[in-house]
Amino acid sequence: MTFTLIKTPIESELAWAEHGARRDILTRYATARTRSEATAVRWDAIAYDQNNPGASSLVAELDAYDRTAAA
């Protein structure tokens, strides 16, 4: 009989993965060159929020970001 060790990520690894995903979406939104690019990233943020109901709203963070000041 062969056993395989199933490694589950520790809590800190999960937290860093979540942080990286959020940062990626925020960065892509901040650097979007067109309205359609920004809209596509916004859909990603909506999907993130739906898949992570316990996390703070990423869409709310995008709403708080002033894209006109960054352009």
N, C-alpha and C. Protein backbone atom coordinates (compact mmCIF):
# COMPACT_ATOMS: atom_id res chain seq x y z
N MET A 1 0.84 -1.16 0.00
CA MET A 1 0.00 0.00 0.00
C MET A 1 0.89 1.24 0.00
N THR A 2 0.57 2.20 -0.85
CA THR A 2 1.34 3.43 -0.95
C THR A 2 0.50 4.60 -0.46
N PHE A 3 1.14 5.42 0.33
CA PHE A 3 0.47 6.61 0.83
C PHE A 3 1.09 7.85 0.19
N THR A 4 0.27 8.82 -0.07
CA THR A 4 0.74 10.08 -0.63
C THR A 4 0.41 11.19 0.36
N LEU A 5 1.42 11.96 0.68
CA LEU A 5 1.22 13.07 1.59
C LEU A 5 0.55 14.21 0.82
N ILE A 6 -0.58 14.65 1.31
CA ILE A 6 -1.28 15.77 0.71
C ILE A 6 -0.95 17.00 1.54
N LYS A 7 -0.28 17.93 0.92
CA LYS A 7 0.13 19.13 1.63
C LYS A 7 -0.91 20.23 1.39
N THR A 8 -1.45 20.74 2.46
CA THR A 8 -2.38 21.86 2.34
C THR A 8 -1.63 23.13 2.73
N PRO A 9 -1.93 24.22 2.05
CA PRO A 9 -1.22 25.45 2.37
C PRO A 9 -1.54 25.94 3.78
N ILE A 10 -0.54 26.50 4.41
CA ILE A 10 -0.77 27.06 5.73
C ILE A 10 -1.48 28.40 5.59
N GLU A 11 -2.03 28.87 6.68
CA GLU A 11 -2.84 30.09 6.66
C GLU A 11 -2.08 31.29 6.12
N SER A 12 -0.80 31.42 6.47
CA SER A 12 -0.03 32.57 5.99
C SER A 12 0.18 32.51 4.48
N GLU A 13 0.35 31.29 3.93
CA GLU A 13 0.48 31.16 2.48
C GLU A 13 -0.81 31.59 1.78
N LEU A 14 -1.94 31.22 2.36
CA LEU A 14 -3.22 31.62 1.79
C LEU A 14 -3.40 33.14 1.85
N ALA A 15 -2.99 33.73 2.95
CA ALA A 15 -3.11 35.18 3.10
C ALA A 15 -2.25 35.91 2.08
N TRP A 16 -1.02 35.42 1.86
CA TRP A 16 -0.15 36.05 0.87
C TRP A 16 -0.69 35.86 -0.54
N ALA A 17 -1.28 34.72 -0.81
CA ALA A 17 -1.87 34.49 -2.13
C ALA A 17 -3.04 35.45 -2.36
N GLU A 18 -3.86 35.64 -1.33
CA GLU A 18 -4.98 36.58 -1.45
C GLU A 18 -4.47 38.00 -1.64
N HIS A 19 -3.45 38.37 -0.89
CA HIS A 19 -2.86 39.70 -1.01
C HIS A 19 -2.32 39.92 -2.42
N GLY A 20 -1.65 38.91 -2.97
CA GLY A 20 -1.10 39.01 -4.32
C GLY A 20 -2.19 39.17 -5.37
N ALA A 21 -3.28 38.43 -5.22
CA ALA A 21 -4.38 38.51 -6.17
C ALA A 21 -5.02 39.90 -6.13
N ARG A 22 -5.23 40.42 -4.93
CA ARG A 22 -5.82 41.76 -4.79
C ARG A 22 -4.90 42.82 -5.38
N ARG A 23 -3.61 42.71 -5.05
CA ARG A 23 -2.64 43.68 -5.55
C ARG A 23 -2.57 43.66 -7.08
N ASP A 24 -2.65 42.47 -7.66
CA ASP A 24 -2.63 42.34 -9.12
C ASP A 24 -3.82 43.06 -9.75
N ILE A 25 -4.99 42.86 -9.19
CA ILE A 25 -6.18 43.51 -9.74
C ILE A 25 -6.09 45.02 -9.59
N LEU A 26 -5.66 45.49 -8.43
CA LEU A 26 -5.53 46.93 -8.21
C LEU A 26 -4.49 47.55 -9.14
N THR A 27 -3.38 46.87 -9.33
CA THR A 27 -2.34 47.37 -10.23
C THR A 27 -2.83 47.42 -11.66
N ARG A 28 -3.52 46.36 -12.10
CA ARG A 28 -4.03 46.35 -13.47
C ARG A 28 -5.05 47.45 -13.68
N TYR A 29 -5.85 47.75 -12.67
CA TYR A 29 -6.84 48.83 -12.76
C TYR A 29 -6.13 50.19 -12.85
N ALA A 30 -5.12 50.37 -12.01
CA ALA A 30 -4.41 51.65 -11.97
C ALA A 30 -3.64 51.91 -13.27
N THR A 31 -3.20 50.85 -13.93
CA THR A 31 -2.40 51.02 -15.15
C THR A 31 -3.20 50.81 -16.43
N ALA A 32 -4.50 50.59 -16.30
CA ALA A 32 -5.34 50.41 -17.49
C ALA A 32 -5.27 51.68 -18.35
N ARG A 33 -5.08 51.48 -19.64
CA ARG A 33 -4.93 52.63 -20.54
C ARG A 33 -6.24 53.06 -21.18
N THR A 34 -7.21 52.18 -21.19
CA THR A 34 -8.49 52.51 -21.81
C THR A 34 -9.62 52.17 -20.85
N ARG A 35 -10.76 52.73 -21.15
CA ARG A 35 -11.94 52.44 -20.34
C ARG A 35 -12.30 50.95 -20.43
N SER A 36 -12.13 50.36 -21.60
CA SER A 36 -12.47 48.94 -21.75
C SER A 36 -11.52 48.05 -20.94
N GLU A 37 -10.25 48.42 -20.86
CA GLU A 37 -9.32 47.67 -20.01
C GLU A 37 -9.74 47.78 -18.55
N ALA A 38 -10.07 48.98 -18.12
CA ALA A 38 -10.50 49.20 -16.73
C ALA A 38 -11.78 48.41 -16.43
N THR A 39 -12.68 48.37 -17.40
CA THR A 39 -13.93 47.63 -17.21
C THR A 39 -13.67 46.14 -17.08
N ALA A 40 -12.75 45.61 -17.88
CA ALA A 40 -12.41 44.19 -17.80
C ALA A 40 -11.83 43.85 -16.42
N VAL A 41 -10.97 44.73 -15.91
CA VAL A 41 -10.39 44.51 -14.58
C VAL A 41 -11.48 44.60 -13.52
N ARG A 42 -12.42 45.52 -13.72
CA ARG A 42 -13.54 45.66 -12.77
C ARG A 42 -14.34 44.37 -12.69
N TRP A 43 -14.55 43.70 -13.84
CA TRP A 43 -15.25 42.42 -13.82
C TRP A 43 -14.46 41.38 -13.02
N ASP A 44 -13.14 41.43 -13.12
CA ASP A 44 -12.30 40.52 -12.31
C ASP A 44 -12.49 40.81 -10.83
N ALA A 45 -12.59 42.09 -10.48
CA ALA A 45 -12.81 42.47 -9.08
C ALA A 45 -14.17 41.99 -8.58
N ILE A 46 -15.17 42.09 -9.43
CA ILE A 46 -16.51 41.59 -9.06
C ILE A 46 -16.46 40.10 -8.81
N ALA A 47 -15.77 39.37 -9.69
CA ALA A 47 -15.64 37.92 -9.52
C ALA A 47 -14.88 37.60 -8.23
N TYR A 48 -13.84 38.37 -7.94
CA TYR A 48 -13.07 38.17 -6.72
C TYR A 48 -13.97 38.35 -5.50
N ASP A 49 -14.75 39.44 -5.49
CA ASP A 49 -15.64 39.70 -4.36
C ASP A 49 -16.66 38.59 -4.18
N GLN A 50 -17.19 38.07 -5.28
CA GLN A 50 -18.17 36.99 -5.18
C GLN A 50 -17.54 35.71 -4.65
N ASN A 51 -16.28 35.46 -4.99
CA ASN A 51 -15.60 34.25 -4.54
C ASN A 51 -14.99 34.37 -3.15
N ASN A 52 -14.93 35.59 -2.63
CA ASN A 52 -14.34 35.83 -1.31
C ASN A 52 -15.27 36.71 -0.48
N PRO A 53 -16.44 36.18 -0.09
CA PRO A 53 -17.42 37.01 0.61
C PRO A 53 -16.96 37.52 1.97
N GLY A 54 -15.98 36.90 2.58
CA GLY A 54 -15.51 37.35 3.89
C GLY A 54 -14.46 38.45 3.81
N ALA A 55 -13.94 38.71 2.63
CA ALA A 55 -12.90 39.72 2.46
C ALA A 55 -13.53 41.09 2.22
N SER A 56 -12.74 42.13 2.46
CA SER A 56 -13.25 43.48 2.17
C SER A 56 -13.44 43.62 0.66
N SER A 57 -14.38 44.45 0.28
CA SER A 57 -14.77 44.57 -1.13
C SER A 57 -13.66 45.20 -1.97
N LEU A 58 -13.24 44.46 -2.97
CA LEU A 58 -12.25 44.98 -3.90
C LEU A 58 -12.89 46.00 -4.84
N VAL A 59 -14.15 45.81 -5.18
CA VAL A 59 -14.86 46.77 -6.01
C VAL A 59 -14.93 48.12 -5.30
N ALA A 60 -15.15 48.10 -4.00
CA ALA A 60 -15.18 49.35 -3.23
C ALA A 60 -13.83 50.06 -3.29
N GLU A 61 -12.75 49.29 -3.27
CA GLU A 61 -11.42 49.90 -3.39
C GLU A 61 -11.25 50.53 -4.77
N LEU A 62 -11.73 49.85 -5.80
CA LEU A 62 -11.64 50.42 -7.14
C LEU A 62 -12.48 51.69 -7.24
N ASP A 63 -13.65 51.68 -6.61
CA ASP A 63 -14.51 52.86 -6.61
C ASP A 63 -13.82 54.05 -5.94
N ALA A 64 -13.03 53.78 -4.91
CA ALA A 64 -12.35 54.83 -4.18
C ALA A 64 -11.12 55.36 -4.94
N TYR A 65 -10.65 54.60 -5.92
CA TYR A 65 -9.47 54.99 -6.68
C TYR A 65 -9.87 55.97 -7.77
N ASP A 66 -9.21 57.10 -7.85
CA ASP A 66 -9.51 58.12 -8.85
C ASP A 66 -8.63 57.89 -10.07
N ARG A 67 -9.19 57.24 -11.08
CA ARG A 67 -8.41 56.94 -12.29
C ARG A 67 -8.01 58.21 -13.05
N THR A 68 -8.79 59.27 -12.95
CA THR A 68 -8.44 60.48 -13.69
C THR A 68 -7.19 61.14 -13.12
N ALA A 69 -6.98 61.02 -11.80
CA ALA A 69 -5.78 61.58 -11.20
C ALA A 69 -4.54 60.80 -11.61
N ALA A 70 -4.70 59.51 -11.87
CA ALA A 70 -3.56 58.66 -12.23
C ALA A 70 -3.22 58.78 -13.71
N ALA A 71 -4.15 59.22 -14.50
CA ALA A 71 -3.91 59.29 -15.96
C ALA A 71 -3.03 60.45 -16.33
